[in-house]
Amino acid sequence: MPGSNVRRRTVRVIAPALAATAALALTACGQSAPGASSGTAVTKAKNGAYGECKVSGEKGSVKLKTVEKGTLTVAGDLPSRGWWNGDTVAEIKSGFEYCLAANLAHRAGLEKLKIRNVSFDAMVAGKGSGYDLAMAEISITDERKKAVDFTSPYFDSNIGVLAKPGTVNAGNVRSLRLGVKQATSGAKFVQEILKPAKSAQVFPGDAEMLAALQGGRVDAVLTDTAIVLGQAKGSGGKVAVVGQYETGESYGALLPKDSANTSAVNGVLAELTGNGTLEQLSESYLGEALGGDPAAVPVWKL
């Protein structure tokens, strides 16, 4: 299955990066920068590059129908450590998904890359407008496909459990106060599969959810393992990823329903997988940012 191939590829490249940065494993920032950030930022290609990203392939080799002439407009839940690096939208110039967007813009022959901060629930509900595609560590699900189109997967995703060390385990997690992010697959997993004794508290974003955990308003939060690993690293040891549940889900780029661009974007993703670009992006941005190998997190059984 495509998701399985993506996962094996991603795990292979994260591990060497972690080995090279082991001394940094307890430092640096977490998945999301402090506080939420709003706004729009535009980067114009300079010497064939966007921000700090290296691009590959023939410029203008694919054609995309864009909402703004000469510009690829990409939505995200910004910023997001490792995926969209920066403390504000205007500062984002690197990251796995940012540089993936830069490669798409290059292949499409577009001189400008515009990024927009859009709420996660609006994106997955298909209510957003004014952008060509969205990348926000979005899990591909059949339910979401009813409202939007997805590309082929580019990263595998499980549901991780973030908590203060020594407080949560597979045996007691259902009896505790849990937190989830609105409209995410983690929220659905907790409600429909984990089924805790107390209804989970729902938060609009990663920053609010992490603040509630560190402030003692919830005992654990559940969302994508790749996200909570970064949050754990940025906490300075205050919280840790204590377990994860396998879901078989993968991240994909989201496009408007029946988009004319889906096939072309899938073609670029296949090329970026084949030429090693996705491996390079994972090694450059995710290994250090996550502070841990997702495959090394204990898997909890229901």
Protein backbone atom coordinates (compact mmCIF):
# COMPACT_ATOMS: atom_id res chain seq x y z
CA MET A 1 0.00 0.00 0.00
CA PRO A 2 1.25 3.54 -0.70
CA GLY A 3 1.02 4.60 2.94
CA SER A 4 3.20 1.71 4.07
CA ASN A 5 5.91 2.56 1.55
CA VAL A 6 5.93 6.18 2.62
CA ARG A 7 6.23 5.22 6.26
CA ARG A 8 9.23 2.94 5.73
CA ARG A 9 10.96 5.60 3.69
CA THR A 10 10.35 8.28 6.31
CA VAL A 11 11.51 6.20 9.26
CA ARG A 12 14.75 5.30 7.47
CA VAL A 13 15.76 8.89 6.92
CA ILE A 14 14.75 10.24 10.32
CA ALA A 15 16.92 7.81 12.25
CA PRO A 16 20.32 8.95 10.79
CA ALA A 17 19.42 12.56 11.41
CA LEU A 18 18.65 11.78 15.03
CA ALA A 19 21.91 9.95 15.48
CA ALA A 20 23.78 12.99 14.23
CA THR A 21 21.86 15.30 16.54
CA ALA A 22 21.57 13.21 19.70
CA ALA A 23 23.14 15.94 21.79
CA LEU A 24 20.28 18.23 20.80
CA ALA A 25 17.50 15.81 21.67
CA LEU A 26 16.46 17.63 24.84
CA THR A 27 16.71 21.17 23.48
CA ALA A 28 15.31 23.48 20.78
CA CYS A 29 11.67 24.22 19.99
CA GLY A 30 8.60 22.06 19.70
CA GLN A 31 6.22 21.41 16.85
CA SER A 32 4.38 24.72 17.03
CA ALA A 33 5.85 28.06 17.94
CA PRO A 34 4.50 29.80 21.03
CA GLY A 35 1.01 31.06 20.36
CA ALA A 36 -0.97 30.98 17.15
CA SER A 37 0.04 33.05 14.15
CA SER A 38 -2.18 34.62 11.52
CA GLY A 39 -1.56 36.18 8.17
CA THR A 40 -0.13 35.69 4.72
CA ALA A 41 3.43 35.78 3.41
CA VAL A 42 4.85 35.76 -0.12
CA THR A 43 8.27 34.55 -1.21
CA LYS A 44 9.53 35.36 -4.70
CA ALA A 45 11.89 32.88 -6.31
CA LYS A 46 15.48 34.08 -6.21
CA ASN A 47 18.10 32.32 -8.30
CA GLY A 48 15.60 29.52 -8.76
CA ALA A 49 15.03 28.97 -5.03
CA TYR A 50 12.28 29.88 -2.55
CA GLY A 51 13.42 30.83 0.94
CA GLU A 52 16.01 28.31 2.13
CA CYS A 53 14.66 25.47 -0.01
CA LYS A 54 16.54 23.61 -2.69
CA VAL A 55 14.36 22.62 -5.64
CA SER A 56 14.79 19.96 -8.29
CA GLY A 57 13.47 19.04 -11.70
CA GLU A 58 12.58 21.03 -14.77
CA LYS A 59 11.03 24.43 -14.16
CA GLY A 60 7.61 24.67 -15.75
CA SER A 61 7.39 20.93 -16.47
CA VAL A 62 3.82 20.76 -15.12
CA LYS A 63 0.85 23.05 -15.49
CA LEU A 64 -1.30 24.11 -12.56
CA LYS A 65 -4.43 26.25 -12.57
CA THR A 66 -3.85 28.70 -9.72
CA VAL A 67 -6.09 31.21 -7.94
CA GLU A 68 -3.49 33.93 -8.51
CA LYS A 69 -1.46 34.30 -11.69
CA GLY A 70 2.19 33.34 -11.35
CA THR A 71 1.71 32.28 -7.72
CA LEU A 72 1.21 29.01 -5.87
CA THR A 73 -0.92 29.73 -2.81
CA VAL A 74 -0.66 27.11 -0.07
CA ALA A 75 -2.65 27.02 3.17
CA GLY A 76 -1.36 25.59 6.43
CA ASP A 77 -1.97 25.61 10.18
CA LEU A 78 1.06 27.85 10.73
CA PRO A 79 3.73 27.75 12.00
CA SER A 80 4.54 24.09 12.68
CA ARG A 81 8.02 23.08 13.78
CA GLY A 82 9.81 20.88 11.27
CA TRP A 83 7.03 21.29 8.72
CA TRP A 84 6.79 25.12 8.52
CA ASN A 85 9.69 26.67 10.44
CA GLY A 86 9.37 30.13 11.97
CA ASP A 87 7.83 31.99 14.89
CA THR A 88 5.47 33.91 12.61
CA VAL A 89 4.02 33.31 9.15
CA ALA A 90 6.30 36.00 7.71
CA GLU A 91 9.40 34.21 9.05
CA ILE A 92 8.66 30.82 7.48
CA LYS A 93 11.32 30.03 4.87
CA SER A 94 11.96 26.32 5.42
CA GLY A 95 10.47 23.04 6.65
CA PHE A 96 9.30 19.77 5.13
CA GLU A 97 5.93 20.98 3.84
CA TYR A 98 7.17 24.48 2.99
CA CYS A 99 9.96 23.09 0.82
CA LEU A 100 7.59 20.54 -0.69
CA ALA A 101 5.39 23.48 -1.70
CA ALA A 102 8.48 25.25 -3.09
CA ASN A 103 9.25 22.23 -5.27
CA LEU A 104 5.67 22.25 -6.56
CA ALA A 105 5.91 25.96 -7.38
CA HIS A 106 9.21 25.39 -9.20
CA ARG A 107 7.90 22.47 -11.26
CA ALA A 108 4.87 24.59 -12.17
CA GLY A 109 7.07 27.49 -13.29
CA LEU A 110 5.56 29.88 -10.76
CA GLU A 111 7.70 32.77 -9.53
CA LYS A 112 5.92 33.30 -6.22
CA LEU A 113 5.02 31.05 -3.30
CA LYS A 114 2.31 32.46 -1.03
CA ILE A 115 1.46 30.81 2.29
CA ARG A 116 -1.70 31.47 4.26
CA ASN A 117 -2.58 30.59 7.83
CA VAL A 118 -5.98 28.87 7.79
CA SER A 119 -7.76 27.08 10.62
CA PHE A 120 -7.42 23.31 10.44
CA ASP A 121 -11.13 22.58 10.74
CA ALA A 122 -11.95 24.97 7.87
CA MET A 123 -9.41 23.25 5.62
CA VAL A 124 -10.59 19.68 6.20
CA ALA A 125 -14.25 20.71 5.94
CA GLY A 126 -13.61 22.17 2.48
CA LYS A 127 -14.78 25.60 3.65
CA GLY A 128 -11.55 27.44 2.91
CA SER A 129 -11.04 29.46 -0.25
CA GLY A 130 -8.38 31.57 -1.89
CA TYR A 131 -5.67 28.91 -1.99
CA ASP A 132 -4.61 26.20 -4.43
CA LEU A 133 -3.85 23.45 -1.95
CA ALA A 134 -3.28 22.90 1.76
CA MET A 135 -0.57 21.04 3.65
CA ALA A 136 -0.93 20.87 7.42
CA GLU A 137 0.00 17.31 8.40
CA ILE A 138 -3.49 16.34 7.25
CA SER A 139 -4.44 12.67 7.54
CA ILE A 140 -6.22 11.24 4.52
CA THR A 141 -9.61 9.84 5.53
CA ASP A 142 -12.67 8.66 3.62
CA GLU A 143 -14.85 11.11 5.53
CA ARG A 144 -12.71 14.08 4.50
CA LYS A 145 -12.67 12.89 0.89
CA LYS A 146 -16.38 13.68 0.74
CA ALA A 147 -15.57 17.40 0.99
CA VAL A 148 -12.08 17.70 -0.54
CA ASP A 149 -9.56 15.96 -2.80
CA PHE A 150 -6.32 14.45 -1.51
CA THR A 151 -3.04 13.72 -3.21
CA SER A 152 -1.18 10.47 -2.77
CA PRO A 153 0.46 10.17 0.70
CA TYR A 154 3.81 11.70 1.55
CA PHE A 155 4.12 10.76 5.26
CA ASP A 156 2.68 8.06 7.53
CA SER A 157 0.80 9.00 10.71
CA ASN A 158 -0.09 7.36 14.05
CA ILE A 159 -1.79 8.87 17.12
CA GLY A 160 0.69 9.73 19.88
CA VAL A 161 0.01 10.26 23.59
CA LEU A 162 1.74 13.29 25.14
CA ALA A 163 1.83 13.55 28.94
CA LYS A 164 3.96 14.50 31.93
CA PRO A 165 6.49 11.69 32.52
CA GLY A 166 5.32 8.91 34.83
CA THR A 167 1.65 9.91 34.89
CA VAL A 168 -0.02 8.10 32.00
CA ASN A 169 0.14 4.53 30.70
CA ALA A 170 -1.87 2.21 28.49
CA GLY A 171 -3.80 0.95 31.50
CA ASN A 172 -5.03 4.25 32.93
CA VAL A 173 -5.31 6.52 29.89
CA ARG A 174 -9.07 5.97 29.45
CA SER A 175 -9.79 7.17 33.00
CA LEU A 176 -7.91 10.47 32.67
CA ARG A 177 -8.70 13.97 31.38
CA LEU A 178 -7.73 13.98 27.72
CA GLY A 179 -7.25 16.81 25.25
CA VAL A 180 -7.60 16.75 21.47
CA LYS A 181 -7.36 19.22 18.59
CA GLN A 182 -10.57 20.22 16.85
CA ALA A 183 -11.46 18.38 13.62
CA THR A 184 -8.40 16.10 13.70
CA SER A 185 -8.18 12.35 13.24
CA GLY A 186 -6.87 12.25 16.83
CA ALA A 187 -10.11 13.77 18.08
CA LYS A 188 -12.14 11.21 16.15
CA PHE A 189 -9.93 8.37 17.40
CA VAL A 190 -10.43 9.37 21.03
CA GLN A 191 -14.17 9.82 20.71
CA GLU A 192 -15.01 6.78 18.59
CA ILE A 193 -12.30 4.22 19.34
CA LEU A 194 -10.52 4.99 22.61
CA LYS A 195 -13.79 6.07 24.29
CA PRO A 196 -12.48 7.54 27.57
CA ALA A 197 -14.63 7.68 30.69
CA LYS A 198 -14.70 11.49 30.49
CA SER A 199 -15.37 13.44 27.31
CA ALA A 200 -12.14 14.86 25.89
CA GLN A 201 -11.58 18.61 25.96
CA VAL A 202 -11.37 20.05 22.45
CA PHE A 203 -8.87 22.79 21.58
CA PRO A 204 -8.64 24.94 18.42
CA GLY A 205 -4.90 24.45 17.90
CA ASP A 206 -1.69 22.77 19.00
CA ALA A 207 -0.52 25.72 21.11
CA GLU A 208 -3.72 25.81 23.18
CA MET A 209 -3.69 22.04 23.65
CA LEU A 210 -0.06 21.99 24.82
CA ALA A 211 -0.67 24.90 27.20
CA ALA A 212 -3.58 23.02 28.78
CA LEU A 213 -1.38 19.96 29.32
CA GLN A 214 1.50 21.90 30.83
CA GLY A 215 -0.93 23.90 32.97
CA GLY A 216 -2.54 20.76 34.41
CA ARG A 217 -5.98 21.24 32.86
CA VAL A 218 -5.69 17.90 31.06
CA ASP A 219 -3.61 14.82 31.87
CA ALA A 220 -2.68 13.88 28.31
CA VAL A 221 -3.23 15.05 24.76
CA LEU A 222 -3.60 12.83 21.71
CA THR A 223 -2.71 13.82 18.18
CA ASP A 224 -0.28 12.76 15.46
CA THR A 225 2.91 11.16 16.78
CA ALA A 226 5.03 13.33 14.48
CA ILE A 227 3.49 16.43 16.05
CA VAL A 228 3.68 15.47 19.74
CA LEU A 229 7.31 14.37 19.39
CA GLY A 230 8.20 17.92 18.40
CA GLN A 231 6.16 19.34 21.25
CA ALA A 232 7.89 17.03 23.72
CA LYS A 233 11.30 18.13 22.50
CA GLY A 234 10.40 21.80 22.88
CA SER A 235 9.13 21.32 26.45
CA GLY A 236 12.53 20.79 28.02
CA GLY A 237 11.48 17.48 29.52
CA LYS A 238 8.20 18.71 31.02
CA VAL A 239 6.19 16.38 28.78
CA ALA A 240 7.01 13.23 26.82
CA VAL A 241 5.48 10.96 24.19
CA VAL A 242 4.64 7.93 26.32
CA GLY A 243 2.89 5.78 23.72
CA GLN A 244 1.14 5.68 20.38
CA TYR A 245 -1.74 3.88 18.67
CA GLU A 246 -1.34 2.56 15.14
CA THR A 247 -3.99 3.93 12.78
CA GLY A 248 -2.64 3.18 9.30
CA GLU A 249 -3.24 6.79 8.24
CA SER A 250 -1.02 8.97 6.07
CA TYR A 251 -0.60 12.68 5.36
CA GLY A 252 -1.52 14.09 1.97
CA ALA A 253 -1.96 17.49 0.39
CA LEU A 254 -5.55 18.71 0.34
CA LEU A 255 -7.13 20.33 -2.72
CA PRO A 256 -10.61 21.66 -3.47
CA LYS A 257 -13.11 18.98 -4.43
CA ASP A 258 -12.69 17.89 -8.07
CA SER A 259 -9.61 20.06 -8.48
CA ALA A 260 -8.04 20.15 -11.94
CA ASN A 261 -4.61 20.04 -10.27
CA THR A 262 -4.78 16.78 -8.30
CA SER A 263 -3.33 14.56 -11.02
CA ALA A 264 -0.47 16.97 -11.77
CA VAL A 265 0.46 17.30 -8.09
CA ASN A 266 0.41 13.51 -7.73
CA GLY A 267 2.82 13.29 -10.66
CA VAL A 268 5.23 15.69 -8.95
CA LEU A 269 4.99 13.78 -5.66
CA ALA A 270 5.86 10.55 -7.46
CA GLU A 271 8.94 12.20 -8.98
CA LEU A 272 10.01 13.73 -5.65
CA THR A 273 9.71 10.31 -4.05
CA GLY A 274 11.64 8.63 -6.83
CA ASN A 275 14.54 11.12 -6.89
CA GLY A 276 14.99 11.13 -3.12
CA THR A 277 13.74 14.67 -2.47
CA LEU A 278 11.21 13.60 0.17
CA GLU A 279 13.92 11.62 1.96
CA GLN A 280 16.19 14.67 1.92
CA LEU A 281 13.43 16.92 3.28
CA SER A 282 12.68 14.46 6.08
CA GLU A 283 16.34 14.17 7.02
CA SER A 284 16.90 17.94 6.86
CA TYR A 285 13.84 19.10 8.76
CA LEU A 286 12.03 16.34 10.65
CA GLY A 287 14.76 14.30 12.32
CA GLU A 288 16.10 17.17 14.41
CA ALA A 289 12.74 18.89 14.90
CA LEU A 290 10.94 15.79 16.17
CA GLY A 291 13.67 14.85 18.63
CA GLY A 292 12.78 11.19 18.36
CA ASP A 293 12.12 8.37 15.94
CA PRO A 294 8.35 7.76 15.60
CA ALA A 295 9.05 4.05 15.13
CA ALA A 296 10.72 3.90 18.57
CA VAL A 297 7.64 5.10 20.50
CA PRO A 298 5.90 2.17 22.29
CA VAL A 299 2.75 0.99 20.54
CA TRP A 300 -0.24 0.62 22.85
CA LYS A 301 -2.98 -1.90 22.15
CA LEU A 302 -6.62 -1.15 22.76
